[in-house]
């Protein structure tokens, strides 16, 4: 390996939004630093599914289903 071209890879402590902690290796900060997360997989709708529901009132989904509804079989 070439010397001096790789980032400093060290251990840091990560604190999740609910207060749980874990230690991992990262290039973030310096050795022993703490990374406090504002958003993590336990609370973010992208990972939890959220409460958003598909609302289609004669829009794209309905047009797709009317055009290709029998194609896939039910």
PDB file of N, CA and C in Angstrom:
ATOM      1  N   UNK A   1       0.833  -1.185   0.000  1.00  0.00           N
ATOM      2  CA  UNK A   1       0.000   0.000   0.000  1.00  0.00           C
ATOM      3  C   UNK A   1       0.876   1.245   0.000  1.00  0.00           C
ATOM      4  N   UNK A   2       0.427   2.244  -0.720  1.00  0.00           N
ATOM      5  CA  UNK A   2       1.142   3.517  -0.712  1.00  0.00           C
ATOM      6  C   UNK A   2       0.911   4.224   0.613  1.00  0.00           C
ATOM      7  N   UNK A   3       1.915   4.851   1.106  1.00  0.00           N
ATOM      8  CA  UNK A   3       1.822   5.582   2.366  1.00  0.00           C
ATOM      9  C   UNK A   3       1.276   6.990   2.122  1.00  0.00           C
ATOM     10  N   UNK A   4       0.458   7.479   3.058  1.00  0.00           N
ATOM     11  CA  UNK A   4       0.003   8.858   3.033  1.00  0.00           C
ATOM     12  C   UNK A   4      -1.191   9.153   2.136  1.00  0.00           C
ATOM     13  N   UNK A   5      -1.778   8.133   1.481  1.00  0.00           N
ATOM     14  CA  UNK A   5      -2.926   8.415   0.612  1.00  0.00           C
ATOM     15  C   UNK A   5      -4.239   7.941   1.217  1.00  0.00           C
ATOM     16  N   UNK A   6      -4.179   7.202   2.325  1.00  0.00           N
ATOM     17  CA  UNK A   6      -5.384   6.661   2.930  1.00  0.00           C
ATOM     18  C   UNK A   6      -5.827   7.521   4.109  1.00  0.00           C
ATOM     19  N   UNK A   7      -7.156   7.668   4.322  1.00  0.00           N
ATOM     20  CA  UNK A   7      -7.644   8.469   5.454  1.00  0.00           C
ATOM     21  C   UNK A   7      -7.358   7.764   6.781  1.00  0.00           C
ATOM     22  N   UNK A   8      -7.355   8.525   7.846  1.00  0.00           N
ATOM     23  CA  UNK A   8      -7.153   7.989   9.188  1.00  0.00           C
ATOM     24  C   UNK A   8      -8.416   7.242   9.601  1.00  0.00           C
ATOM     25  N   UNK A   9      -8.315   5.942   9.781  1.00  0.00           N
ATOM     26  CA  UNK A   9      -9.450   5.082  10.107  1.00  0.00           C
ATOM     27  C   UNK A   9      -9.312   4.682  11.569  1.00  0.00           C
ATOM     28  N   UNK A  10     -10.269   5.081  12.411  1.00  0.00           N
ATOM     29  CA  UNK A  10     -10.156   4.891  13.852  1.00  0.00           C
ATOM     30  C   UNK A  10     -11.525   4.587  14.446  1.00  0.00           C
ATOM     31  N   UNK A  11     -11.583   4.332  15.751  1.00  0.00           N
ATOM     32  CA  UNK A  11     -12.854   4.021  16.407  1.00  0.00           C
ATOM     33  C   UNK A  11     -13.509   5.296  16.919  1.00  0.00           C
ATOM     34  N   UNK A  12     -14.845   5.347  16.769  1.00  0.00           N
ATOM     35  CA  UNK A  12     -15.653   6.450  17.309  1.00  0.00           C
ATOM     36  C   UNK A  12     -16.878   5.849  17.995  1.00  0.00           C
ATOM     37  N   UNK A  13     -17.537   6.643  18.821  1.00  0.00           N
ATOM     38  CA  UNK A  13     -18.774   6.222  19.473  1.00  0.00           C
ATOM     39  C   UNK A  13     -19.932   6.924  18.774  1.00  0.00           C
ATOM     40  N   UNK A  14     -20.960   6.152  18.399  1.00  0.00           N
ATOM     41  CA  UNK A  14     -22.151   6.706  17.750  1.00  0.00           C
ATOM     42  C   UNK A  14     -23.305   6.630  18.736  1.00  0.00           C
ATOM     43  N   UNK A  15     -24.000   7.759  18.940  1.00  0.00           N
ATOM     44  CA  UNK A  15     -25.149   7.823  19.848  1.00  0.00           C
ATOM     45  C   UNK A  15     -26.399   8.022  19.004  1.00  0.00           C
ATOM     46  N   UNK A  16     -27.318   7.044  19.072  1.00  0.00           N
ATOM     47  CA  UNK A  16     -28.566   7.103  18.313  1.00  0.00           C
ATOM     48  C   UNK A  16     -29.530   8.097  18.966  1.00  0.00           C
ATOM     49  N   UNK A  17     -30.648   8.386  18.298  1.00  0.00           N
ATOM     50  CA  UNK A  17     -31.605   9.360  18.816  1.00  0.00           C
ATOM     51  C   UNK A  17     -32.260   8.899  20.111  1.00  0.00           C
ATOM     52  N   UNK A  18     -32.366   7.584  20.337  1.00  0.00           N
ATOM     53  CA  UNK A  18     -32.995   7.091  21.569  1.00  0.00           C
ATOM     54  C   UNK A  18     -31.996   6.916  22.711  1.00  0.00           C
ATOM     55  N   UNK A  19     -30.736   7.294  22.486  1.00  0.00           N
ATOM     56  CA  UNK A  19     -29.727   7.237  23.532  1.00  0.00           C
ATOM     57  C   UNK A  19     -28.851   5.996  23.492  1.00  0.00           C
ATOM     58  N   UNK A  20     -29.195   5.000  22.693  1.00  0.00           N
ATOM     59  CA  UNK A  20     -28.338   3.827  22.600  1.00  0.00           C
ATOM     60  C   UNK A  20     -27.030   4.198  21.915  1.00  0.00           C
ATOM     61  N   UNK A  21     -25.992   3.488  22.276  1.00  0.00           N
ATOM     62  CA  UNK A  21     -24.650   3.798  21.777  1.00  0.00           C
ATOM     63  C   UNK A  21     -24.007   2.545  21.214  1.00  0.00           C
ATOM     64  N   UNK A  22     -23.115   2.734  20.255  1.00  0.00           N
ATOM     65  CA  UNK A  22     -22.270   1.649  19.790  1.00  0.00           C
ATOM     66  C   UNK A  22     -20.955   2.228  19.301  1.00  0.00           C
ATOM     67  N   UNK A  23     -19.941   1.384  19.263  1.00  0.00           N
ATOM     68  CA  UNK A  23     -18.611   1.799  18.827  1.00  0.00           C
ATOM     69  C   UNK A  23     -18.369   1.194  17.458  1.00  0.00           C
ATOM     70  N   UNK A  24     -17.862   2.005  16.548  1.00  0.00           N
ATOM     71  CA  UNK A  24     -17.569   1.548  15.195  1.00  0.00           C
ATOM     72  C   UNK A  24     -16.290   2.204  14.707  1.00  0.00           C
ATOM     73  N   UNK A  25     -15.802   1.733  13.583  1.00  0.00           N
ATOM     74  CA  UNK A  25     -14.616   2.340  12.981  1.00  0.00           C
ATOM     75  C   UNK A  25     -15.065   3.275  11.874  1.00  0.00           C
ATOM     76  N   UNK A  26     -14.422   4.448  11.774  1.00  0.00           N
ATOM     77  CA  UNK A  26     -14.838   5.466  10.819  1.00  0.00           C
ATOM     78  C   UNK A  26     -13.693   6.424  10.530  1.00  0.00           C
ATOM     79  N   UNK A  27     -13.888   7.247   9.507  1.00  0.00           N
ATOM     80  CA  UNK A  27     -12.950   8.329   9.191  1.00  0.00           C
ATOM     81  C   UNK A  27     -13.426   9.640   9.803  1.00  0.00           C
ATOM     82  N   UNK A  28     -14.582   9.622  10.469  1.00  0.00           N
ATOM     83  CA  UNK A  28     -15.167  10.819  11.074  1.00  0.00           C
ATOM     84  C   UNK A  28     -14.335  11.295  12.256  1.00  0.00           C
ATOM     85  N   UNK A  29     -14.049  12.576  12.323  1.00  0.00           N
ATOM     86  CA  UNK A  29     -13.392  13.181  13.479  1.00  0.00           C
ATOM     87  C   UNK A  29     -12.047  12.583  13.816  1.00  0.00           C
ATOM     88  N   UNK A  30     -11.835  12.458  15.123  1.00  0.00           N
ATOM     89  CA  UNK A  30     -10.575  11.905  15.626  1.00  0.00           C
ATOM     90  C   UNK A  30     -10.885  10.698  16.507  1.00  0.00           C
ATOM     91  N   UNK A  31      -9.864   9.962  16.863  1.00  0.00           N
ATOM     92  CA  UNK A  31     -10.008   8.775  17.701  1.00  0.00           C
ATOM     93  C   UNK A  31     -10.787   9.087  18.978  1.00  0.00           C
ATOM     94  N   UNK A  32     -11.843   8.297  19.263  1.00  0.00           N
ATOM     95  CA  UNK A  32     -12.617   8.442  20.488  1.00  0.00           C
ATOM     96  C   UNK A  32     -13.704   9.504  20.445  1.00  0.00           C
ATOM     97  N   UNK A  33     -13.885  10.198  19.329  1.00  0.00           N
ATOM     98  CA  UNK A  33     -14.902  11.240  19.231  1.00  0.00           C
ATOM     99  C   UNK A  33     -16.303  10.619  19.238  1.00  0.00           C
ATOM    100  N   UNK A  34     -17.310  11.400  19.623  1.00  0.00           N
ATOM    101  CA  UNK A  34     -18.688  10.946  19.669  1.00  0.00           C
ATOM    102  C   UNK A  34     -19.483  11.601  18.549  1.00  0.00           C
ATOM    103  N   UNK A  35     -20.234  10.780  17.810  1.00  0.00           N
ATOM    104  CA  UNK A  35     -21.110  11.255  16.744  1.00  0.00           C
ATOM    105  C   UNK A  35     -22.545  11.106  17.220  1.00  0.00           C
ATOM    106  N   UNK A  36     -23.238  12.231  17.457  1.00  0.00           N
ATOM    107  CA  UNK A  36     -24.634  12.217  17.891  1.00  0.00           C
ATOM    108  C   UNK A  36     -25.524  12.349  16.666  1.00  0.00           C
ATOM    109  N   UNK A  37     -26.377  11.345  16.438  1.00  0.00           N
ATOM    110  CA  UNK A  37     -27.247  11.342  15.269  1.00  0.00           C
ATOM    111  C   UNK A  37     -28.529  12.116  15.537  1.00  0.00           C
ATOM    112  N   UNK A  38     -28.959  12.923  14.569  1.00  0.00           N
ATOM    113  CA  UNK A  38     -30.243  13.607  14.642  1.00  0.00           C
ATOM    114  C   UNK A  38     -31.344  12.718  14.064  1.00  0.00           C
ATOM    115  N   UNK A  39     -30.997  11.942  13.066  1.00  0.00           N
ATOM    116  CA  UNK A  39     -31.936  11.050  12.392  1.00  0.00           C
ATOM    117  C   UNK A  39     -31.245   9.698  12.259  1.00  0.00           C
ATOM    118  N   UNK A  40     -31.960   8.627  12.600  1.00  0.00           N
ATOM    119  CA  UNK A  40     -31.389   7.295  12.440  1.00  0.00           C
ATOM    120  C   UNK A  40     -32.467   6.329  11.948  1.00  0.00           C
ATOM    121  N   UNK A  41     -32.096   5.110  11.588  1.00  0.00           N
ATOM    122  CA  UNK A  41     -33.060   4.159  11.027  1.00  0.00           C
ATOM    123  C   UNK A  41     -34.216   3.797  11.956  1.00  0.00           C
ATOM    124  N   UNK A  42     -34.084   4.037  13.254  1.00  0.00           N
ATOM    125  CA  UNK A  42     -35.168   3.696  14.178  1.00  0.00           C
ATOM    126  C   UNK A  42     -36.320   4.694  14.118  1.00  0.00           C
ATOM    127  N   UNK A  43     -36.071   5.931  13.650  1.00  0.00           N
ATOM    128  CA  UNK A  43     -37.113   6.951  13.686  1.00  0.00           C
ATOM    129  C   UNK A  43     -37.438   7.562  12.329  1.00  0.00           C
ATOM    130  N   UNK A  44     -36.592   7.394  11.334  1.00  0.00           N
ATOM    131  CA  UNK A  44     -36.804   8.060  10.049  1.00  0.00           C
ATOM    132  C   UNK A  44     -37.809   7.291   9.194  1.00  0.00           C
ATOM    133  N   UNK A  45     -38.791   7.980   8.596  1.00  0.00           N
ATOM    134  CA  UNK A  45     -39.824   7.312   7.798  1.00  0.00           C
ATOM    135  C   UNK A  45     -39.279   6.510   6.614  1.00  0.00           C
ATOM    136  N   UNK A  46     -38.112   6.848   6.109  1.00  0.00           N
ATOM    137  CA  UNK A  46     -37.553   6.095   4.986  1.00  0.00           C
ATOM    138  C   UNK A  46     -37.274   4.653   5.390  1.00  0.00           C
ATOM    139  N   UNK A  47     -36.952   4.413   6.669  1.00  0.00           N
ATOM    140  CA  UNK A  47     -36.680   3.054   7.134  1.00  0.00           C
ATOM    141  C   UNK A  47     -37.860   2.449   7.860  1.00  0.00           C
ATOM    142  N   UNK A  48     -38.683   3.245   8.502  1.00  0.00           N
ATOM    143  CA  UNK A  48     -39.788   2.705   9.294  1.00  0.00           C
ATOM    144  C   UNK A  48     -41.059   2.539   8.496  1.00  0.00           C
ATOM    145  N   UNK A  49     -41.138   3.129   7.317  1.00  0.00           N
ATOM    146  CA  UNK A  49     -42.342   3.040   6.516  1.00  0.00           C
ATOM    147  C   UNK A  49     -43.252   4.236   6.728  1.00  0.00           C
ATOM    148  N   UNK A  50     -43.126   4.899   7.831  1.00  0.00           N
ATOM    149  CA  UNK A  50     -43.893   6.114   8.096  1.00  0.00           C
ATOM    150  C   UNK A  50     -45.390   5.888   8.104  1.00  0.00           C
ATOM    151  N   UNK A  51     -46.135   6.957   8.136  1.00  0.00           N
ATOM    152  CA  UNK A  51     -47.592   6.875   8.144  1.00  0.00           C
ATOM    153  C   UNK A  51     -48.177   7.340   6.829  1.00  0.00           C
ATOM    154  N   UNK A  52     -47.307   7.629   5.863  1.00  0.00           N
ATOM    155  CA  UNK A  52     -47.772   8.112   4.571  1.00  0.00           C
ATOM    156  C   UNK A  52     -48.485   6.990   3.827  1.00  0.00           C
ATOM    157  N   UNK A  53     -49.634   7.313   3.250  1.00  0.00           N
ATOM    158  CA  UNK A  53     -50.399   6.336   2.480  1.00  0.00           C
ATOM    159  C   UNK A  53     -50.565   6.851   1.065  1.00  0.00           C
ATOM    160  N   UNK A  54     -50.690   5.912   0.141  1.00  0.00           N
ATOM    161  CA  UNK A  54     -50.860   6.274  -1.250  1.00  0.00           C
ATOM    162  C   UNK A  54     -52.277   6.755  -1.476  1.00  0.00           C
ATOM    163  N   UNK A  55     -52.435   8.009  -1.871  1.00  0.00           N
ATOM    164  CA  UNK A  55     -53.746   8.581  -2.152  1.00  0.00           C
ATOM    165  C   UNK A  55     -53.812   8.854  -3.651  1.00  0.00           C
ATOM    166  N   UNK A  56     -54.586   8.062  -4.359  1.00  0.00           N
ATOM    167  CA  UNK A  56     -54.697   8.231  -5.800  1.00  0.00           C
ATOM    168  C   UNK A  56     -56.165   8.352  -6.154  1.00  0.00           C
ATOM    169  N   UNK A  57     -56.554   9.505  -6.606  1.00  0.00           N
ATOM    170  CA  UNK A  57     -57.951   9.743  -6.982  1.00  0.00           C
ATOM    171  C   UNK A  57     -58.022   9.931  -8.491  1.00  0.00           C
ATOM    172  N   UNK A  58     -57.943   8.844  -9.213  1.00  0.00           N
ATOM    173  CA  UNK A  58     -58.019   8.921 -10.658  1.00  0.00           C
ATOM    174  C   UNK A  58     -56.742   9.402 -11.295  1.00  0.00           C
ATOM    175  N   UNK A  59     -55.632   9.212 -10.622  1.00  0.00           N
ATOM    176  CA  UNK A  59     -54.354   9.700 -11.120  1.00  0.00           C
ATOM    177  C   UNK A  59     -53.557   8.623 -11.825  1.00  0.00           C
ATOM    178  N   UNK A  60     -52.261   8.684 -11.669  1.00  0.00           N
ATOM    179  CA  UNK A  60     -51.349   7.802 -12.395  1.00  0.00           C
ATOM    180  C   UNK A  60     -51.558   6.326 -12.088  1.00  0.00           C
ATOM    181  N   UNK A  61     -51.748   5.986 -10.801  1.00  0.00           N
ATOM    182  CA  UNK A  61     -51.903   4.580 -10.438  1.00  0.00           C
ATOM    183  C   UNK A  61     -53.175   4.019 -11.046  1.00  0.00           C
ATOM    184  N   UNK A  62     -54.250   4.762 -10.993  1.00  0.00           N
ATOM    185  CA  UNK A  62     -55.504   4.304 -11.579  1.00  0.00           C
ATOM    186  C   UNK A  62     -55.389   4.144 -13.090  1.00  0.00           C
ATOM    187  N   UNK A  63     -54.727   5.076 -13.752  1.00  0.00           N
ATOM    188  CA  UNK A  63     -54.548   4.964 -15.198  1.00  0.00           C
ATOM    189  C   UNK A  63     -53.685   3.759 -15.548  1.00  0.00           C
ATOM    190  N   UNK A  64     -52.636   3.532 -14.764  1.00  0.00           N
ATOM    191  CA  UNK A  64     -51.780   2.370 -14.999  1.00  0.00           C
ATOM    192  C   UNK A  64     -52.574   1.083 -14.828  1.00  0.00           C
ATOM    193  N   UNK A  65     -53.350   0.993 -13.734  1.00  0.00           N
ATOM    194  CA  UNK A  65     -54.131  -0.225 -13.484  1.00  0.00           C
ATOM    195  C   UNK A  65     -55.185  -0.457 -14.553  1.00  0.00           C
ATOM    196  N   UNK A  66     -55.808   0.602 -15.055  1.00  0.00           N
ATOM    197  CA  UNK A  66     -56.819   0.410 -16.095  1.00  0.00           C
ATOM    198  C   UNK A  66     -56.178  -0.001 -17.421  1.00  0.00           C
ATOM    199  N   UNK A  67     -54.963   0.442 -17.657  1.00  0.00           N
ATOM    200  CA  UNK A  67     -54.290   0.119 -18.916  1.00  0.00           C
ATOM    201  C   UNK A  67     -53.617  -1.256 -18.864  1.00  0.00           C
ATOM    202  N   UNK A  68     -52.966  -1.575 -17.733  1.00  0.00           N
ATOM    203  CA  UNK A  68     -52.193  -2.800 -17.637  1.00  0.00           C
ATOM    204  C   UNK A  68     -52.693  -3.750 -16.546  1.00  0.00           C
ATOM    205  N   UNK A  69     -53.866  -3.531 -16.018  1.00  0.00           N
ATOM    206  CA  UNK A  69     -54.366  -4.321 -14.890  1.00  0.00           C
ATOM    207  C   UNK A  69     -54.435  -5.807 -15.155  1.00  0.00           C
ATOM    208  N   UNK A  70     -54.842  -6.231 -16.348  1.00  0.00           N
ATOM    209  CA  UNK A  70     -54.957  -7.655 -16.652  1.00  0.00           C
ATOM    210  C   UNK A  70     -53.659  -8.308 -17.082  1.00  0.00           C
ATOM    211  N   UNK A  71     -52.617  -7.537 -17.254  1.00  0.00           N
ATOM    212  CA  UNK A  71     -51.350  -8.052 -17.755  1.00  0.00           C
ATOM    213  C   UNK A  71     -50.666  -9.000 -16.778  1.00  0.00           C
ATOM    214  N   UNK A  72     -50.756  -8.708 -15.500  1.00  0.00           N
ATOM    215  CA  UNK A  72     -50.024  -9.480 -14.506  1.00  0.00           C
ATOM    216  C   UNK A  72     -50.871 -10.587 -13.865  1.00  0.00           C
ATOM    217  N   UNK A  73     -52.145 -10.617 -14.116  1.00  0.00           N
ATOM    218  CA  UNK A  73     -53.018 -11.630 -13.514  1.00  0.00           C
ATOM    219  C   UNK A  73     -53.190 -11.400 -12.023  1.00  0.00           C
ATOM    220  N   UNK A  74     -54.294 -11.827 -11.518  1.00  0.00           N
ATOM    221  CA  UNK A  74     -54.550 -11.578 -10.103  1.00  0.00           C
ATOM    222  C   UNK A  74     -54.785 -12.856  -9.357  1.00  0.00           C
TER     223      UNK A  74
END
